[in-house]
Protein backbone atom coordinates (compact mmCIF):
# COMPACT_ATOMS: atom_id res chain seq x y z
CA MET A 1 38.91 38.47 21.31
CA VAL A 2 37.07 39.79 18.26
CA ALA A 3 38.46 37.04 16.03
CA ALA A 4 37.32 34.34 18.47
CA GLY A 5 33.86 35.86 18.66
CA ALA A 6 33.55 36.08 14.89
CA LYS A 7 34.66 32.46 14.48
CA LYS A 8 32.14 31.38 17.10
CA ALA A 9 29.49 33.11 15.00
CA GLY A 10 30.51 30.88 12.09
CA LEU A 11 32.48 33.40 10.06
CA ARG A 12 35.70 33.00 8.10
CA VAL A 13 38.00 35.64 9.57
CA VAL A 14 40.38 37.68 7.42
CA CYS A 15 42.79 40.09 9.11
CA VAL A 16 44.94 42.88 7.73
CA GLY A 17 47.44 43.86 10.44
CA LEU A 18 48.97 47.33 10.48
CA ALA A 19 52.75 46.98 10.49
CA GLY A 20 54.32 48.30 13.68
CA SER A 21 51.04 48.14 15.58
CA VAL A 22 49.76 44.56 15.29
CA ASP A 23 50.72 41.61 17.47
CA GLU A 24 51.69 39.04 14.85
CA THR A 25 50.50 36.14 17.01
CA LEU A 26 47.05 37.22 15.84
CA ALA A 27 47.86 35.31 12.66
CA ASP A 28 47.26 32.08 14.62
CA GLU A 29 43.74 33.18 15.54
CA VAL A 30 42.41 33.99 12.05
CA ASP A 31 41.94 32.18 8.74
CA VAL A 32 43.87 34.68 6.62
CA PHE A 33 46.46 37.18 7.86
CA LYS A 34 48.05 39.90 5.71
CA LYS A 35 50.38 42.64 6.90
CA VAL A 36 49.85 46.13 5.49
CA ALA A 37 51.53 49.53 5.80
CA LEU A 38 50.01 52.03 8.22
CA ALA A 39 49.59 54.90 5.76
CA ARG A 40 48.43 52.90 2.74
CA PRO A 41 44.67 52.24 3.19
CA GLY A 42 44.41 51.50 -0.51
CA SER A 43 46.33 48.27 0.13
CA TRP A 44 44.03 47.42 3.06
CA ILE A 45 41.06 47.68 0.71
CA ARG A 46 42.69 45.61 -2.04
CA LYS A 47 43.74 42.79 0.28
CA LEU A 48 40.34 42.63 1.96
CA ARG A 49 38.39 42.77 -1.30
CA LYS A 50 40.61 40.05 -2.81
CA GLN A 51 39.40 37.78 0.02
CA GLY A 52 35.77 38.69 -0.64
CA VAL A 53 35.50 40.91 2.45
CA THR A 54 33.07 43.83 2.72
CA ASP A 55 32.07 43.97 6.41
CA THR A 56 35.00 44.82 8.67
CA ILE A 57 35.82 45.54 12.29
CA MET A 58 38.64 47.87 13.29
CA VAL A 59 40.24 46.75 16.54
CA GLY A 60 43.40 47.48 18.47
CA ARG A 61 45.38 50.67 18.73
CA VAL A 62 47.67 52.82 16.63
CA ALA A 63 49.63 55.37 18.67
CA LYS A 64 48.43 58.71 17.35
CA GLY A 65 51.81 60.24 18.10
CA LYS A 66 53.15 58.40 15.07
CA ILE A 67 51.17 60.79 12.87
CA PHE A 68 53.28 63.71 14.11
CA THR A 69 56.75 62.17 13.85
CA PRO A 70 59.43 64.06 11.83
CA PHE A 71 59.73 63.10 8.15
CA ARG A 72 56.47 61.15 8.36
CA ILE A 73 55.88 61.49 4.60
CA ILE A 74 59.18 59.69 3.88
CA ARG A 75 58.79 57.20 6.74
CA TYR A 76 55.27 56.03 5.91
CA LEU A 77 55.10 56.67 2.14
CA PRO A 78 51.34 57.35 2.11
CA ASP A 79 49.29 56.24 -0.87
CA TRP A 80 46.80 58.45 -2.71
CA ARG A 81 43.93 57.40 -0.43
CA SER A 82 45.89 58.41 2.66
CA ILE A 83 46.76 61.74 1.09
CA ARG A 84 43.10 62.23 0.12
CA ILE A 85 42.01 61.58 3.73
CA TRP A 86 44.52 64.01 5.22
CA TYR A 87 44.39 66.83 2.67
CA TRP A 88 40.84 66.54 1.31
CA ARG A 89 38.50 64.84 3.76
CA LEU A 90 40.23 66.53 6.72
CA ARG A 91 40.87 69.85 4.97
CA LYS A 92 39.83 72.70 7.29
CA LYS A 93 38.85 70.16 9.98
CA ASN A 94 40.52 69.38 13.29
CA LYS A 95 42.72 66.30 13.68
CA GLN A 96 40.98 64.90 16.76
CA ASN A 97 40.61 61.12 16.96
CA GLU A 98 36.92 60.95 16.03
CA THR A 99 37.33 63.31 13.06
CA VAL A 100 40.30 61.34 11.68
CA LEU A 101 38.60 57.96 12.18
CA ASN A 102 35.36 59.12 10.57
CA ALA A 103 37.32 60.36 7.56
CA LEU A 104 39.08 56.98 7.37
CA ALA A 105 35.74 55.15 7.59
CA GLU A 106 34.38 57.26 4.73
CA GLU A 107 37.42 56.49 2.59
CA LEU A 108 37.20 52.75 3.28
CA ALA A 109 33.48 52.83 2.43
CA SER A 110 34.26 54.48 -0.89
CA GLY A 111 36.33 51.37 -1.65
CA GLY A 112 33.57 48.98 -0.60
CA ILE A 113 34.82 48.24 2.94
CA ILE A 114 32.22 49.00 5.61
CA LEU A 115 33.27 49.36 9.25
CA GLU A 116 30.92 47.74 11.78
CA ASP A 117 30.36 47.95 15.54
CA SER A 118 33.63 46.70 17.06
CA THR A 119 31.79 45.17 20.05
CA LYS A 120 29.51 43.07 17.83
CA TYR A 121 31.19 39.70 18.46
CA CYS A 122 32.29 40.16 22.07
CA LYS A 123 29.44 41.72 24.03
CA GLY A 124 30.23 39.41 26.96
CA LYS A 125 33.63 41.10 27.37
CA MET A 126 32.20 44.53 28.16
CA ALA A 127 32.34 46.06 31.65
CA GLU A 128 29.29 45.53 33.88
CA VAL A 129 27.47 47.99 36.13
CA GLY A 130 28.62 47.83 39.75
CA ILE A 131 31.65 46.63 41.70
CA MET A 132 33.32 43.77 39.83
CA THR A 133 36.00 42.93 42.40
CA GLY A 134 35.59 41.32 45.81
CA LYS A 135 36.64 44.44 47.70
CA GLU A 136 34.53 47.60 47.70
CA PRO A 137 36.02 51.11 47.50
CA ASP A 138 35.94 53.09 50.74
CA SER A 139 33.93 56.30 51.28
CA SER A 140 36.77 58.65 50.30
CA ILE A 141 37.14 56.92 46.95
CA GLN A 142 33.38 57.09 46.44
CA GLU A 143 33.61 60.85 46.95
CA ASP A 144 36.44 61.04 44.39
CA ILE A 145 34.29 59.09 41.91
CA GLU A 146 31.37 61.48 42.31
CA PHE A 147 33.74 64.45 41.96
CA GLY A 148 35.57 63.13 38.88
CA TRP A 149 32.78 61.54 36.84
CA GLU A 150 31.31 64.70 35.27
CA ILE A 151 34.81 66.07 34.66
CA VAL A 152 36.05 63.02 32.76
CA LYS A 153 32.80 62.84 30.77
CA LYS A 154 33.19 66.48 29.73
CA LEU A 155 36.81 65.91 28.67
CA ALA A 156 35.71 62.92 26.58
CA GLU A 157 32.94 65.01 25.03
CA LEU A 158 35.55 67.59 24.00
CA ASP A 159 37.78 64.75 22.64
CA ILE A 160 40.70 65.86 24.81
CA GLY A 161 41.17 62.45 26.43
CA GLN A 162 39.12 59.65 27.93
CA ALA A 163 40.78 59.25 31.32
CA ILE A 164 41.74 61.21 34.41
CA ALA A 165 43.38 60.43 37.75
CA VAL A 166 41.78 61.77 40.92
CA LYS A 167 42.72 61.89 44.61
CA GLU A 168 41.06 63.81 47.45
CA LYS A 169 38.79 65.64 44.97
CA GLU A 170 41.77 66.87 42.97
CA VAL A 171 42.51 66.02 39.34
CA LEU A 172 46.10 64.77 39.30
CA SER A 173 46.42 64.18 35.56
CA VAL A 174 44.49 64.14 32.29
CA GLU A 175 45.05 61.71 29.44
CA GLY A 176 46.61 63.30 26.38
CA ILE A 177 47.95 62.01 23.11
CA GLU A 178 50.32 59.67 24.99
CA GLY A 179 47.48 57.29 25.95
CA THR A 180 46.28 55.86 29.27
CA ALA A 181 49.33 53.70 30.07
CA ASN A 182 51.72 56.63 29.92
CA MET A 183 49.26 58.82 31.82
CA ILE A 184 49.26 56.22 34.63
CA LYS A 185 53.07 56.33 34.79
CA ARG A 186 53.02 60.13 34.84
CA THR A 187 50.48 60.10 37.68
CA GLY A 188 52.70 57.75 39.69
CA GLN A 189 55.56 60.26 39.36
CA PHE A 190 53.35 63.11 40.61
CA CYS A 191 51.69 61.18 43.44
CA LYS A 192 54.38 59.23 45.27
CA LYS A 193 52.04 58.28 48.14
CA GLY A 194 49.62 56.55 45.76
CA GLY A 195 46.02 55.83 46.65
CA TRP A 196 44.57 57.55 43.61
CA THR A 197 41.67 56.57 41.33
CA LEU A 198 41.77 56.12 37.55
CA MET A 199 38.55 57.03 35.72
CA LYS A 200 38.17 55.98 32.07
CA VAL A 201 35.07 56.60 29.96
CA SER A 202 33.70 56.50 26.45
CA LYS A 203 32.81 59.59 24.49
CA THR A 204 29.37 61.13 24.92
CA ASN A 205 28.08 59.76 21.64
CA GLN A 206 30.56 56.90 21.34
CA ASP A 207 30.88 55.54 17.82
CA LEU A 208 31.25 51.82 18.52
CA ARG A 209 33.03 51.30 15.21
CA PHE A 210 36.27 52.57 16.71
CA ASP A 211 38.12 54.01 19.71
CA VAL A 212 36.14 52.01 22.29
CA PRO A 213 37.97 52.26 25.66
CA CYS A 214 39.84 49.14 26.80
CA VAL A 215 41.30 47.94 30.09
CA GLY A 216 42.98 44.66 30.93
CA VAL A 217 45.67 42.85 32.90
CA ASP A 218 48.33 45.35 31.77
CA THR A 219 46.20 48.24 33.06
CA ILE A 220 45.95 46.64 36.50
CA LYS A 221 49.72 45.96 36.61
CA GLU A 222 50.47 49.57 35.62
CA LEU A 223 48.10 50.88 38.28
CA ALA A 224 49.70 48.74 40.99
CA GLU A 225 53.21 49.80 39.99
CA ASN A 226 52.26 53.49 40.11
CA GLY A 227 50.13 53.69 43.23
CA GLY A 228 46.64 53.50 41.73
CA ARG A 229 44.16 51.75 44.00
CA HIS A 230 40.88 51.97 42.13
CA ILE A 231 39.61 52.09 38.57
CA VAL A 232 36.21 53.30 37.36
CA ILE A 233 35.18 52.37 33.83
CA GLU A 234 32.05 53.02 31.82
CA ALA A 235 29.78 50.01 31.91
CA GLU A 236 28.68 48.42 28.62
CA LYS A 237 31.00 50.76 26.70
CA THR A 238 34.44 49.50 27.80
CA PHE A 239 36.22 46.36 26.62
CA MET A 240 37.74 44.21 29.37
CA ILE A 241 40.53 42.21 27.77
CA ASP A 242 40.95 38.86 29.54
CA LYS A 243 38.07 39.91 31.77
CA GLU A 244 38.27 37.09 34.32
CA GLU A 245 42.06 37.36 34.65
CA THR A 246 41.85 41.15 34.97
CA ILE A 247 39.39 40.93 37.87
CA LYS A 248 41.37 38.12 39.53
CA LEU A 249 44.63 40.11 39.36
CA ALA A 250 42.93 43.24 40.67
CA ASP A 251 41.66 41.31 43.70
CA LYS A 252 45.14 39.91 44.31
CA LEU A 253 46.76 43.35 44.14
CA GLY A 254 44.09 45.11 46.22
CA ILE A 255 42.72 47.18 43.36
CA THR A 256 38.97 47.70 43.08
CA ILE A 257 37.11 47.90 39.75
CA THR A 258 33.76 49.65 39.36
CA GLY A 259 31.59 49.83 36.26
CA ARG A 260 29.42 52.93 36.12
């Protein structure tokens, strides 16, 4: 999505894909594709600079749980920049997403690679204000939305997670390090009757360079499989991957989508 938008803007697109996290079919969508190791940002910088790149967009997802796997030093063989991020830039700081990503951005900038707004080339793919599906949520769901909105915004502000599941003015689950998809599955196990609402928001002062919330066709499928019947996302701050297809599938499966 980002690559297509950048090409439409007349740019030559260079991609460094993080091994184990990138879909390699992305290579067909860009002009230059290089695979790099997750914990070796020095190689990211070298490969980008060799192609004449300075302005960069970070897009996609790396499962944060990988950071805490056993023997991670041996498994990922971090370079000196990675070690400097973790033990110098993050020394005496928490390891929450925003803190880690800001430290990474600072390290990349020290090597001449500047991270930009990740929504820059795909503004048309952001969620809109209002009901985006043909069916409107009923009054009980509207009450759940009003109940849950301030809660999920507060959790996002504290960088605990960016999503919750609500039913009958009760919080069923909160997103943790496992990510939204696994939270949806967990909610389905707790709430066998279904009929619950997923609420997903951005952080209070969302840094659009990274960690922008995303939903898409897979989100709708996961909701349907686990009893979710409505999704509320933050308008103008949430990516909708395959936006038209996502809305079409939601209508087909009886799931409503609201941008707030």
